[in-house]
Amino acid sequence: MMKHFYTLLLCCLCSFAGFAQEDDGPGGRVRERMTEYIEKRLGLSKSEAQQFSPIYLNYLNDLRKTTQDHKGDRLVLQQKVVELRLNYRNQFKNVVGDKRSNDVFSYERDFIEGVKQLRQDRMDNLRDDRRGRKN
C-alpha cells in the first residue's frame, strides 16, 4: 500500500514540476504574447517568425537581467539598455531587414502601453464596482 502511495506522490510531484516550468519565469505568457504581437505587426513570414522569435526572447531575457543588474543607477541602466537594443537591432536586421529591425522597438513600446492601459481600465472598473456596492 505504501509503495502505491509513494508512486502516486512521485507522479504528482513530477506533473506539478512540469506545469511550473511551462511559464518560463515571471511574465512568461506576457513575453510570448508580446512576441506574437510584434511578429504580427512586422508582417513576418512563418520562416522569419521562426528565426525572429528565439532572438527576441533572448533580448527580453537580457533586458530583464540588465534591468535587475543596474536598477540602482538609472543613467547606467539607460546606457546599458541602449547598448543592448543596438546589439539586438543588428541581430534582428539579419532576419527581418533594416526597416523592420527598427520597428521592433516601436511595436514593443506600443504593446507595453496597451497592457498598461488595459490594466488601468481594469483597475478603474474594479474601483467603480466597489463604489457601486457601497451606495
Foldseek 3Di string as FASTA:
>chain_A
DVVVVVVVVVVVVVVVVVVVPVQVDPCSVVQVVLLVQLCVVLVHDPVLSVQPVVLSVVLVVVLVVLCVVPVVPVVVSVVVNVVSLVVSLVVNCVRRNNPSSVCSVVSSVVSVVVVVVVVVVVVVVVVVVVVVVVD
